[in-house]
Amino acid sequence: MAVMDVDRLVVVTLGLLDRRGLPDLSMRAVASELGVQPSALYWHVRSKQELLGLVADRIVDGAGEAACLDEQVMALRDALLAHRDGAELVASSIALGMGGGGLRAKLALAAERAGIRQSHRRSVTEALALVLLGHTQLEQQRAQAKEIGIEMGEDGPHPDLDDLVQLVTGSVGRGSET
C-alpha cells in the first residue's frame, strides 16, 4: 500500500468521481480504493464534505489563470467539464463554504484585469460564478443523460456561455471610479 496523505486522498477521490460520479462517491468507496478502513481517512480529513472541498479546490486549480475575463470563464468551464459532476461538486462546496473558493478569486482577478470598476467587481464576480456553475451543471447533466440514452428535447434556446458572460459584463462600468 502506498503512503497515504491528503494529496493522495484527493487524487484517488478525484479518480473515483470521474469513474462513478458524485452520487456514488462515499468514504467507504474511497477507503476501499486505497485499501484501508474508512476510519483511516479521518486522520487526514474531518469529514466527507472537507474531502469534497479539497477535491473542488483541485478541480478549480486546474483552470490556471487566463489573460482576460472571457478566457478565464472558459478555462474554469473546461476545468469543471474535465471531471464528471465537476460543476455540481464545486457549486456544492462553495455553497457550504468548504472549498472551490478559488473560482471566485480567479474571476475577481480577471474582472479587475478587465477594468471592471471596484464598486461592481463583487457583483460581477458573483454573477459570473453563478452563470458559470449553473450553465456548466446543465451542460454536464445533459451530456450524462445523452450517454445513457435519454433524448433531450429542445425546451427553448440555450445561450452560449460566451453570450451570458457578455450580458453580465457588458452592463457594468469599466475604468476608474469617479
N, C-alpha and C. Protein backbone atom coordinates (compact mmCIF):
# COMPACT_ATOMS: atom_id res chain seq x y z
N MET A 1 0.85 -1.18 0.00
CA MET A 1 0.00 0.00 0.00
C MET A 1 0.89 1.24 0.00
N ALA A 2 0.56 2.19 -0.85
CA ALA A 2 1.30 3.45 -0.91
C ALA A 2 1.02 4.28 0.33
N VAL A 3 1.96 5.16 0.65
CA VAL A 3 1.79 6.05 1.78
C VAL A 3 0.59 6.95 1.49
N MET A 4 -0.27 7.10 2.49
CA MET A 4 -1.45 7.94 2.30
C MET A 4 -1.22 9.29 2.94
N ASP A 5 -1.49 10.33 2.17
CA ASP A 5 -1.50 11.69 2.68
C ASP A 5 -2.69 12.39 2.04
N VAL A 6 -2.90 13.65 2.38
CA VAL A 6 -4.06 14.37 1.87
C VAL A 6 -4.03 14.45 0.35
N ASP A 7 -2.86 14.69 -0.23
CA ASP A 7 -2.78 14.79 -1.68
C ASP A 7 -3.20 13.49 -2.35
N ARG A 8 -2.72 12.38 -1.86
CA ARG A 8 -3.10 11.08 -2.43
C ARG A 8 -4.60 10.85 -2.26
N LEU A 9 -5.12 11.22 -1.12
CA LEU A 9 -6.55 11.08 -0.85
C LEU A 9 -7.37 11.88 -1.87
N VAL A 10 -6.94 13.09 -2.17
CA VAL A 10 -7.63 13.94 -3.15
C VAL A 10 -7.54 13.32 -4.54
N VAL A 11 -6.36 12.86 -4.92
CA VAL A 11 -6.16 12.26 -6.25
C VAL A 11 -7.05 11.03 -6.43
N VAL A 12 -7.07 10.16 -5.43
CA VAL A 12 -7.88 8.95 -5.51
C VAL A 12 -9.37 9.30 -5.55
N THR A 13 -9.78 10.26 -4.74
CA THR A 13 -11.19 10.68 -4.73
C THR A 13 -11.59 11.28 -6.07
N LEU A 14 -10.72 12.07 -6.65
CA LEU A 14 -10.99 12.66 -7.96
C LEU A 14 -11.12 11.57 -9.03
N GLY A 15 -10.28 10.56 -8.95
CA GLY A 15 -10.39 9.44 -9.88
C GLY A 15 -11.71 8.69 -9.73
N LEU A 16 -12.13 8.49 -8.49
CA LEU A 16 -13.43 7.84 -8.24
C LEU A 16 -14.58 8.71 -8.75
N LEU A 17 -14.48 10.00 -8.53
CA LEU A 17 -15.50 10.92 -9.03
C LEU A 17 -15.64 10.77 -10.54
N ASP A 18 -14.52 10.75 -11.23
CA ASP A 18 -14.55 10.64 -12.69
C ASP A 18 -15.16 9.31 -13.15
N ARG A 19 -14.91 8.25 -12.42
CA ARG A 19 -15.42 6.93 -12.83
C ARG A 19 -16.86 6.69 -12.39
N ARG A 20 -17.20 7.12 -11.18
CA ARG A 20 -18.50 6.76 -10.61
C ARG A 20 -19.51 7.90 -10.55
N GLY A 21 -19.03 9.12 -10.46
CA GLY A 21 -19.92 10.26 -10.30
C GLY A 21 -20.16 10.58 -8.83
N LEU A 22 -20.65 11.77 -8.59
CA LEU A 22 -20.85 12.26 -7.23
C LEU A 22 -21.84 11.42 -6.41
N PRO A 23 -22.97 10.98 -6.98
CA PRO A 23 -23.91 10.22 -6.16
C PRO A 23 -23.33 8.92 -5.58
N ASP A 24 -22.38 8.32 -6.27
CA ASP A 24 -21.81 7.05 -5.80
C ASP A 24 -20.46 7.22 -5.10
N LEU A 25 -20.12 8.43 -4.76
CA LEU A 25 -18.84 8.70 -4.11
C LEU A 25 -19.04 8.68 -2.60
N SER A 26 -18.50 7.66 -1.95
CA SER A 26 -18.63 7.53 -0.50
C SER A 26 -17.25 7.38 0.13
N MET A 27 -17.19 7.64 1.41
CA MET A 27 -15.92 7.45 2.13
C MET A 27 -15.54 5.97 2.12
N ARG A 28 -16.52 5.11 2.16
CA ARG A 28 -16.26 3.67 2.10
C ARG A 28 -15.62 3.31 0.76
N ALA A 29 -16.11 3.90 -0.33
CA ALA A 29 -15.55 3.63 -1.66
C ALA A 29 -14.12 4.16 -1.77
N VAL A 30 -13.88 5.35 -1.21
CA VAL A 30 -12.52 5.92 -1.23
C VAL A 30 -11.58 5.03 -0.43
N ALA A 31 -12.02 4.61 0.75
CA ALA A 31 -11.18 3.74 1.59
C ALA A 31 -10.89 2.42 0.88
N SER A 32 -11.89 1.86 0.26
CA SER A 32 -11.70 0.60 -0.47
C SER A 32 -10.68 0.77 -1.59
N GLU A 33 -10.76 1.86 -2.30
CA GLU A 33 -9.82 2.14 -3.39
C GLU A 33 -8.38 2.24 -2.86
N LEU A 34 -8.25 2.77 -1.65
CA LEU A 34 -6.93 2.93 -1.03
C LEU A 34 -6.48 1.68 -0.27
N GLY A 35 -7.39 0.73 -0.08
CA GLY A 35 -7.06 -0.49 0.65
C GLY A 35 -6.95 -0.27 2.15
N VAL A 36 -7.75 0.66 2.67
CA VAL A 36 -7.74 0.95 4.11
C VAL A 36 -9.17 0.92 4.64
N GLN A 37 -9.29 0.95 5.94
CA GLN A 37 -10.60 1.07 6.57
C GLN A 37 -11.07 2.53 6.47
N PRO A 38 -12.38 2.76 6.36
CA PRO A 38 -12.87 4.14 6.27
C PRO A 38 -12.38 5.04 7.41
N SER A 39 -12.24 4.49 8.59
CA SER A 39 -11.80 5.31 9.73
C SER A 39 -10.40 5.89 9.51
N ALA A 40 -9.58 5.24 8.69
CA ALA A 40 -8.22 5.74 8.43
C ALA A 40 -8.25 7.07 7.68
N LEU A 41 -9.30 7.31 6.92
CA LEU A 41 -9.40 8.57 6.17
C LEU A 41 -9.52 9.78 7.09
N TYR A 42 -10.12 9.55 8.25
CA TYR A 42 -10.39 10.66 9.16
C TYR A 42 -9.15 11.13 9.93
N TRP A 43 -8.02 10.48 9.68
CA TRP A 43 -6.75 11.01 10.17
C TRP A 43 -6.31 12.18 9.30
N HIS A 44 -6.85 12.25 8.10
CA HIS A 44 -6.41 13.24 7.12
C HIS A 44 -7.45 14.33 6.84
N VAL A 45 -8.73 13.99 6.97
CA VAL A 45 -9.82 14.96 6.79
C VAL A 45 -10.85 14.74 7.89
N ARG A 46 -11.53 15.82 8.26
CA ARG A 46 -12.52 15.72 9.34
C ARG A 46 -13.84 15.11 8.88
N SER A 47 -14.15 15.29 7.59
CA SER A 47 -15.45 14.84 7.10
C SER A 47 -15.40 14.61 5.59
N LYS A 48 -16.44 13.98 5.09
CA LYS A 48 -16.55 13.79 3.65
C LYS A 48 -16.63 15.15 2.96
N GLN A 49 -17.37 16.09 3.55
CA GLN A 49 -17.50 17.40 2.91
C GLN A 49 -16.16 18.12 2.85
N GLU A 50 -15.32 17.97 3.86
CA GLU A 50 -13.98 18.57 3.79
C GLU A 50 -13.19 17.95 2.63
N LEU A 51 -13.28 16.64 2.49
CA LEU A 51 -12.59 15.98 1.38
C LEU A 51 -13.12 16.48 0.04
N LEU A 52 -14.43 16.58 -0.09
CA LEU A 52 -15.02 17.08 -1.34
C LEU A 52 -14.61 18.52 -1.60
N GLY A 53 -14.45 19.31 -0.55
CA GLY A 53 -13.97 20.68 -0.71
C GLY A 53 -12.55 20.72 -1.25
N LEU A 54 -11.71 19.81 -0.78
CA LEU A 54 -10.34 19.72 -1.30
C LEU A 54 -10.34 19.28 -2.77
N VAL A 55 -11.24 18.37 -3.10
CA VAL A 55 -11.37 17.94 -4.50
C VAL A 55 -11.86 19.11 -5.35
N ALA A 56 -12.81 19.87 -4.84
CA ALA A 56 -13.31 21.06 -5.56
C ALA A 56 -12.17 22.04 -5.81
N ASP A 57 -11.33 22.25 -4.80
CA ASP A 57 -10.18 23.15 -4.98
C ASP A 57 -9.25 22.63 -6.08
N ARG A 58 -9.03 21.33 -6.11
CA ARG A 58 -8.15 20.73 -7.12
C ARG A 58 -8.75 20.94 -8.52
N ILE A 59 -10.05 20.77 -8.63
CA ILE A 59 -10.71 20.97 -9.93
C ILE A 59 -10.53 22.41 -10.39
N VAL A 60 -10.80 23.36 -9.51
CA VAL A 60 -10.69 24.78 -9.86
C VAL A 60 -9.24 25.14 -10.18
N ASP A 61 -8.30 24.60 -9.42
CA ASP A 61 -6.88 24.89 -9.67
C ASP A 61 -6.46 24.45 -11.06
N GLY A 62 -7.16 23.48 -11.62
CA GLY A 62 -6.85 23.00 -12.96
C GLY A 62 -7.05 24.04 -14.04
N ALA A 63 -7.74 25.12 -13.72
CA ALA A 63 -8.02 26.16 -14.71
C ALA A 63 -6.85 27.10 -14.92
N GLY A 64 -5.98 27.24 -13.96
CA GLY A 64 -4.89 28.21 -14.09
C GLY A 64 -5.44 29.62 -14.18
N GLU A 65 -4.59 30.55 -14.56
CA GLU A 65 -5.01 31.94 -14.74
C GLU A 65 -4.95 32.29 -16.21
N ALA A 66 -5.98 32.97 -16.68
CA ALA A 66 -6.06 33.37 -18.08
C ALA A 66 -5.84 34.87 -18.20
N ALA A 67 -5.53 35.30 -19.41
CA ALA A 67 -5.18 36.70 -19.66
C ALA A 67 -6.38 37.64 -19.59
N CYS A 68 -7.56 37.18 -19.99
CA CYS A 68 -8.72 38.07 -19.98
C CYS A 68 -9.91 37.37 -19.34
N LEU A 69 -10.93 38.14 -19.04
CA LEU A 69 -12.10 37.65 -18.32
C LEU A 69 -12.81 36.53 -19.08
N ASP A 70 -13.07 36.72 -20.36
CA ASP A 70 -13.75 35.69 -21.15
C ASP A 70 -12.96 34.38 -21.14
N GLU A 71 -11.65 34.49 -21.31
CA GLU A 71 -10.80 33.30 -21.31
C GLU A 71 -10.79 32.62 -19.95
N GLN A 72 -10.84 33.42 -18.86
CA GLN A 72 -10.85 32.84 -17.52
C GLN A 72 -12.12 32.05 -17.29
N VAL A 73 -13.26 32.61 -17.70
CA VAL A 73 -14.52 31.89 -17.56
C VAL A 73 -14.46 30.57 -18.33
N MET A 74 -13.95 30.61 -19.54
CA MET A 74 -13.89 29.39 -20.36
C MET A 74 -12.88 28.39 -19.80
N ALA A 75 -11.78 28.87 -19.23
CA ALA A 75 -10.80 27.97 -18.61
C ALA A 75 -11.42 27.27 -17.40
N LEU A 76 -12.19 28.02 -16.61
CA LEU A 76 -12.87 27.41 -15.46
C LEU A 76 -13.92 26.41 -15.94
N ARG A 77 -14.66 26.76 -16.97
CA ARG A 77 -15.64 25.84 -17.55
C ARG A 77 -14.96 24.54 -17.98
N ASP A 78 -13.86 24.67 -18.68
CA ASP A 78 -13.14 23.48 -19.14
C ASP A 78 -12.67 22.63 -17.97
N ALA A 79 -12.20 23.27 -16.90
CA ALA A 79 -11.75 22.53 -15.71
C ALA A 79 -12.92 21.80 -15.06
N LEU A 80 -14.09 22.44 -15.00
CA LEU A 80 -15.27 21.79 -14.43
C LEU A 80 -15.73 20.62 -15.29
N LEU A 81 -15.71 20.82 -16.61
CA LEU A 81 -16.15 19.76 -17.53
C LEU A 81 -15.17 18.60 -17.60
N ALA A 82 -13.94 18.82 -17.19
CA ALA A 82 -12.92 17.77 -17.25
C ALA A 82 -13.19 16.65 -16.24
N HIS A 83 -14.10 16.90 -15.30
CA HIS A 83 -14.39 15.90 -14.26
C HIS A 83 -15.89 15.68 -14.16
N ARG A 84 -16.27 14.44 -14.14
CA ARG A 84 -17.68 14.08 -14.03
C ARG A 84 -18.28 14.76 -12.80
N ASP A 85 -19.40 15.42 -12.97
CA ASP A 85 -20.09 16.13 -11.90
C ASP A 85 -19.23 17.24 -11.28
N GLY A 86 -18.24 17.72 -12.04
CA GLY A 86 -17.34 18.75 -11.53
C GLY A 86 -18.06 20.03 -11.12
N ALA A 87 -18.98 20.49 -11.95
CA ALA A 87 -19.70 21.73 -11.63
C ALA A 87 -20.57 21.56 -10.39
N GLU A 88 -21.24 20.43 -10.28
CA GLU A 88 -22.10 20.18 -9.12
C GLU A 88 -21.27 20.11 -7.84
N LEU A 89 -20.14 19.42 -7.90
CA LEU A 89 -19.28 19.30 -6.73
C LEU A 89 -18.74 20.66 -6.30
N VAL A 90 -18.26 21.45 -7.24
CA VAL A 90 -17.71 22.76 -6.90
C VAL A 90 -18.82 23.68 -6.37
N ALA A 91 -19.98 23.67 -7.01
CA ALA A 91 -21.09 24.52 -6.56
C ALA A 91 -21.50 24.15 -5.13
N SER A 92 -21.59 22.88 -4.85
CA SER A 92 -21.96 22.42 -3.51
C SER A 92 -20.92 22.83 -2.47
N SER A 93 -19.65 22.67 -2.82
CA SER A 93 -18.58 23.03 -1.89
C SER A 93 -18.56 24.52 -1.61
N ILE A 94 -18.79 25.32 -2.65
CA ILE A 94 -18.85 26.78 -2.46
C ILE A 94 -20.05 27.14 -1.58
N ALA A 95 -21.20 26.53 -1.84
CA ALA A 95 -22.41 26.83 -1.06
C ALA A 95 -22.21 26.56 0.42
N LEU A 96 -21.45 25.52 0.73
CA LEU A 96 -21.21 25.15 2.12
C LEU A 96 -19.96 25.80 2.71
N GLY A 97 -19.27 26.60 1.91
CA GLY A 97 -18.06 27.26 2.40
C GLY A 97 -16.93 26.30 2.69
N MET A 98 -16.91 25.17 1.97
CA MET A 98 -15.92 24.13 2.25
C MET A 98 -14.88 23.96 1.15
N GLY A 99 -14.93 24.77 0.10
CA GLY A 99 -13.95 24.63 -0.98
C GLY A 99 -14.43 25.32 -2.23
N GLY A 100 -13.59 25.32 -3.23
CA GLY A 100 -13.94 25.92 -4.51
C GLY A 100 -13.86 27.43 -4.54
N GLY A 101 -13.41 28.03 -3.44
CA GLY A 101 -13.33 29.49 -3.37
C GLY A 101 -12.39 30.10 -4.38
N GLY A 102 -11.46 29.29 -4.87
CA GLY A 102 -10.54 29.78 -5.89
C GLY A 102 -11.26 30.20 -7.16
N LEU A 103 -12.45 29.65 -7.40
CA LEU A 103 -13.23 30.02 -8.58
C LEU A 103 -13.56 31.51 -8.52
N ARG A 104 -14.08 31.96 -7.39
CA ARG A 104 -14.40 33.38 -7.23
C ARG A 104 -13.13 34.23 -7.31
N ALA A 105 -12.06 33.76 -6.70
CA ALA A 105 -10.81 34.53 -6.70
C ALA A 105 -10.29 34.71 -8.12
N LYS A 106 -10.33 33.65 -8.91
CA LYS A 106 -9.88 33.74 -10.31
C LYS A 106 -10.76 34.69 -11.11
N LEU A 107 -12.07 34.62 -10.89
CA LEU A 107 -12.98 35.52 -11.59
C LEU A 107 -12.78 36.97 -11.15
N ALA A 108 -12.58 37.19 -9.86
CA ALA A 108 -12.38 38.56 -9.36
C ALA A 108 -11.10 39.17 -9.93
N LEU A 109 -10.04 38.39 -9.97
CA LEU A 109 -8.78 38.89 -10.54
C LEU A 109 -8.95 39.19 -12.02
N ALA A 110 -9.63 38.32 -12.73
CA ALA A 110 -9.86 38.55 -14.16
C ALA A 110 -10.75 39.77 -14.38
N ALA A 111 -11.73 39.98 -13.50
CA ALA A 111 -12.60 41.16 -13.60
C ALA A 111 -11.80 42.43 -13.36
N GLU A 112 -10.89 42.37 -12.40
CA GLU A 112 -10.03 43.53 -12.14
C GLU A 112 -9.16 43.83 -13.36
N ARG A 113 -8.55 42.80 -13.91
CA ARG A 113 -7.71 42.98 -15.10
C ARG A 113 -8.52 43.50 -16.29
N ALA A 114 -9.80 43.15 -16.34
CA ALA A 114 -10.67 43.59 -17.45
C ALA A 114 -11.14 45.03 -17.27
N GLY A 115 -10.79 45.62 -16.13
CA GLY A 115 -11.16 47.01 -15.91
C GLY A 115 -12.54 47.20 -15.31
N ILE A 116 -13.12 46.14 -14.76
CA ILE A 116 -14.42 46.28 -14.09
C ILE A 116 -14.21 47.12 -12.84
N ARG A 117 -15.01 48.15 -12.70
CA ARG A 117 -14.87 49.05 -11.55
C ARG A 117 -14.98 48.26 -10.25
N GLN A 118 -14.22 48.71 -9.27
CA GLN A 118 -14.20 48.04 -7.97
C GLN A 118 -15.60 47.98 -7.37
N SER A 119 -16.39 49.03 -7.56
CA SER A 119 -17.74 49.06 -6.98
C SER A 119 -18.66 47.99 -7.59
N HIS A 120 -18.32 47.49 -8.77
CA HIS A 120 -19.12 46.46 -9.43
C HIS A 120 -18.47 45.08 -9.39
N ARG A 121 -17.22 45.02 -8.99
CA ARG A 121 -16.45 43.78 -9.14
C ARG A 121 -17.04 42.59 -8.39
N ARG A 122 -17.49 42.82 -7.17
CA ARG A 122 -18.03 41.70 -6.39
C ARG A 122 -19.31 41.17 -7.04
N SER A 123 -20.18 42.08 -7.47
CA SER A 123 -21.42 41.65 -8.13
C SER A 123 -21.15 40.92 -9.43
N VAL A 124 -20.21 41.43 -10.21
CA VAL A 124 -19.85 40.78 -11.47
C VAL A 124 -19.27 39.40 -11.19
N THR A 125 -18.40 39.31 -10.20
CA THR A 125 -17.79 38.02 -9.84
C THR A 125 -18.86 37.02 -9.43
N GLU A 126 -19.79 37.44 -8.58
CA GLU A 126 -20.86 36.54 -8.13
C GLU A 126 -21.75 36.12 -9.29
N ALA A 127 -22.13 37.08 -10.13
CA ALA A 127 -22.99 36.76 -11.27
C ALA A 127 -22.29 35.79 -12.22
N LEU A 128 -21.02 36.03 -12.49
CA LEU A 128 -20.28 35.13 -13.38
C LEU A 128 -20.14 33.74 -12.77
N ALA A 129 -19.89 33.68 -11.46
CA ALA A 129 -19.76 32.37 -10.80
C ALA A 129 -21.07 31.60 -10.91
N LEU A 130 -22.18 32.27 -10.65
CA LEU A 130 -23.48 31.60 -10.72
C LEU A 130 -23.82 31.16 -12.15
N VAL A 131 -23.57 32.03 -13.11
CA VAL A 131 -23.83 31.69 -14.51
C VAL A 131 -22.93 30.53 -14.94
N LEU A 132 -21.66 30.62 -14.61
CA LEU A 132 -20.71 29.57 -14.98
C LEU A 132 -21.09 28.23 -14.39
N LEU A 133 -21.35 28.20 -13.08
CA LEU A 133 -21.67 26.94 -12.42
C LEU A 133 -23.00 26.37 -12.90
N GLY A 134 -24.01 27.23 -13.01
CA GLY A 134 -25.32 26.76 -13.46
C GLY A 134 -25.30 26.26 -14.89
N HIS A 135 -24.69 27.03 -15.76
CA HIS A 135 -24.62 26.65 -17.18
C HIS A 135 -23.84 25.35 -17.34
N THR A 136 -22.74 25.23 -16.63
CA THR A 136 -21.90 24.04 -16.76
C THR A 136 -22.58 22.81 -16.15
N GLN A 137 -23.31 23.00 -15.05
CA GLN A 137 -24.06 21.88 -14.48
C GLN A 137 -25.09 21.36 -15.48
N LEU A 138 -25.82 22.27 -16.09
CA LEU A 138 -26.81 21.85 -17.09
C LEU A 138 -26.13 21.13 -18.25
N GLU A 139 -25.01 21.66 -18.67
CA GLU A 139 -24.26 21.05 -19.77
C GLU A 139 -23.83 19.62 -19.40
N GLN A 140 -23.32 19.45 -18.18
CA GLN A 140 -22.88 18.12 -17.75
C GLN A 140 -24.06 17.17 -17.61
N GLN A 141 -25.16 17.64 -17.05
CA GLN A 141 -26.33 16.78 -16.86
C GLN A 141 -26.91 16.34 -18.20
N ARG A 142 -26.96 17.24 -19.16
CA ARG A 142 -27.47 16.89 -20.49
C ARG A 142 -26.55 15.86 -21.17
N ALA A 143 -25.25 16.05 -21.03
CA ALA A 143 -24.30 15.11 -21.63
C ALA A 143 -24.44 13.72 -21.00
N GLN A 144 -24.60 13.68 -19.67
CA GLN A 144 -24.75 12.39 -18.99
C GLN A 144 -26.07 11.72 -19.36
N ALA A 145 -27.12 12.51 -19.51
CA ALA A 145 -28.40 11.94 -19.93
C ALA A 145 -28.28 11.32 -21.32
N LYS A 146 -27.60 12.02 -22.19
CA LYS A 146 -27.41 11.52 -23.55
C LYS A 146 -26.60 10.22 -23.55
N GLU A 147 -25.59 10.13 -22.66
CA GLU A 147 -24.76 8.92 -22.56
C GLU A 147 -25.58 7.69 -22.21
N ILE A 148 -26.63 7.87 -21.42
CA ILE A 148 -27.44 6.71 -21.01
C ILE A 148 -28.69 6.56 -21.86
N GLY A 149 -28.73 7.30 -22.97
CA GLY A 149 -29.81 7.11 -23.94
C GLY A 149 -31.04 7.95 -23.74
N ILE A 150 -30.98 8.93 -22.88
CA ILE A 150 -32.13 9.82 -22.69
C ILE A 150 -32.03 10.93 -23.71
N GLU A 151 -33.03 10.99 -24.57
CA GLU A 151 -33.05 12.04 -25.58
C GLU A 151 -33.64 13.31 -24.97
N MET A 152 -32.89 14.37 -25.09
CA MET A 152 -33.31 15.65 -24.54
C MET A 152 -33.94 16.48 -25.66
N GLY A 153 -35.19 16.81 -25.50
CA GLY A 153 -35.84 17.67 -26.48
C GLY A 153 -35.39 19.11 -26.27
N GLU A 154 -35.49 19.88 -27.29
CA GLU A 154 -35.16 21.30 -27.17
C GLU A 154 -36.30 21.99 -26.43
N ASP A 155 -36.02 22.50 -25.26
CA ASP A 155 -37.06 23.18 -24.49
C ASP A 155 -36.89 24.69 -24.56
N GLY A 156 -36.24 25.14 -25.56
CA GLY A 156 -36.05 26.58 -25.73
C GLY A 156 -34.60 26.88 -26.03
N PRO A 157 -34.32 28.12 -26.28
CA PRO A 157 -32.95 28.49 -26.62
C PRO A 157 -32.02 28.34 -25.42
N HIS A 158 -30.83 27.88 -25.69
CA HIS A 158 -29.81 27.75 -24.65
C HIS A 158 -28.64 28.62 -25.07
N PRO A 159 -28.55 29.80 -24.49
CA PRO A 159 -27.49 30.71 -24.91
C PRO A 159 -26.10 30.15 -24.61
N ASP A 160 -25.17 30.50 -25.45
CA ASP A 160 -23.79 30.12 -25.21
C ASP A 160 -23.28 30.82 -23.96
N LEU A 161 -22.35 30.18 -23.29
CA LEU A 161 -21.76 30.77 -22.10
C LEU A 161 -21.12 32.11 -22.43
N ASP A 162 -20.49 32.21 -23.59
CA ASP A 162 -19.88 33.49 -24.00
C ASP A 162 -20.91 34.61 -24.03
N ASP A 163 -22.10 34.31 -24.56
CA ASP A 163 -23.15 35.33 -24.62
C ASP A 163 -23.58 35.76 -23.23
N LEU A 164 -23.67 34.81 -22.31
CA LEU A 164 -24.07 35.13 -20.94
C LEU A 164 -23.00 35.97 -20.24
N VAL A 165 -21.74 35.65 -20.49
CA VAL A 165 -20.64 36.44 -19.91
C VAL A 165 -20.73 37.88 -20.41
N GLN A 166 -20.97 38.04 -21.70
CA GLN A 166 -21.10 39.39 -22.27
C GLN A 166 -22.29 40.13 -21.68
N LEU A 167 -23.37 39.42 -21.44
CA LEU A 167 -24.55 40.03 -20.84
C LEU A 167 -24.23 40.55 -19.44
N VAL A 168 -23.52 39.75 -18.66
CA VAL A 168 -23.16 40.16 -17.29
C VAL A 168 -22.17 41.30 -17.30
N THR A 169 -21.12 41.19 -18.09
CA THR A 169 -20.05 42.19 -18.03
C THR A 169 -20.34 43.43 -18.86
N GLY A 170 -21.22 43.32 -19.83
CA GLY A 170 -21.49 44.46 -20.70
C GLY A 170 -22.35 45.53 -20.06
N SER A 171 -22.99 45.21 -18.95
CA SER A 171 -23.90 46.17 -18.33
C SER A 171 -23.29 46.89 -17.13
N VAL A 172 -22.00 46.72 -16.90
CA VAL A 172 -21.36 47.40 -15.77
C VAL A 172 -20.27 48.32 -16.25
N GLY A 173 -19.98 49.28 -15.41
CA GLY A 173 -18.95 50.25 -15.77
C GLY A 173 -17.55 49.67 -15.70
N ARG A 174 -16.73 50.19 -16.57
CA ARG A 174 -15.31 49.84 -16.58
C ARG A 174 -14.53 51.12 -16.39
N GLY A 175 -13.32 50.95 -15.95
CA GLY A 175 -12.45 52.11 -15.78
C GLY A 175 -12.39 52.54 -14.33
N SER A 176 -11.83 53.70 -14.12
CA SER A 176 -11.61 54.17 -12.75
C SER A 176 -12.89 54.71 -12.13
N GLU A 177 -12.96 54.63 -10.84
CA GLU A 177 -14.09 55.19 -10.09
C GLU A 177 -13.98 56.71 -10.12
N THR A 178 -15.08 57.38 -10.37
CA THR A 178 -15.06 58.85 -10.34
C THR A 178 -16.22 59.39 -9.59
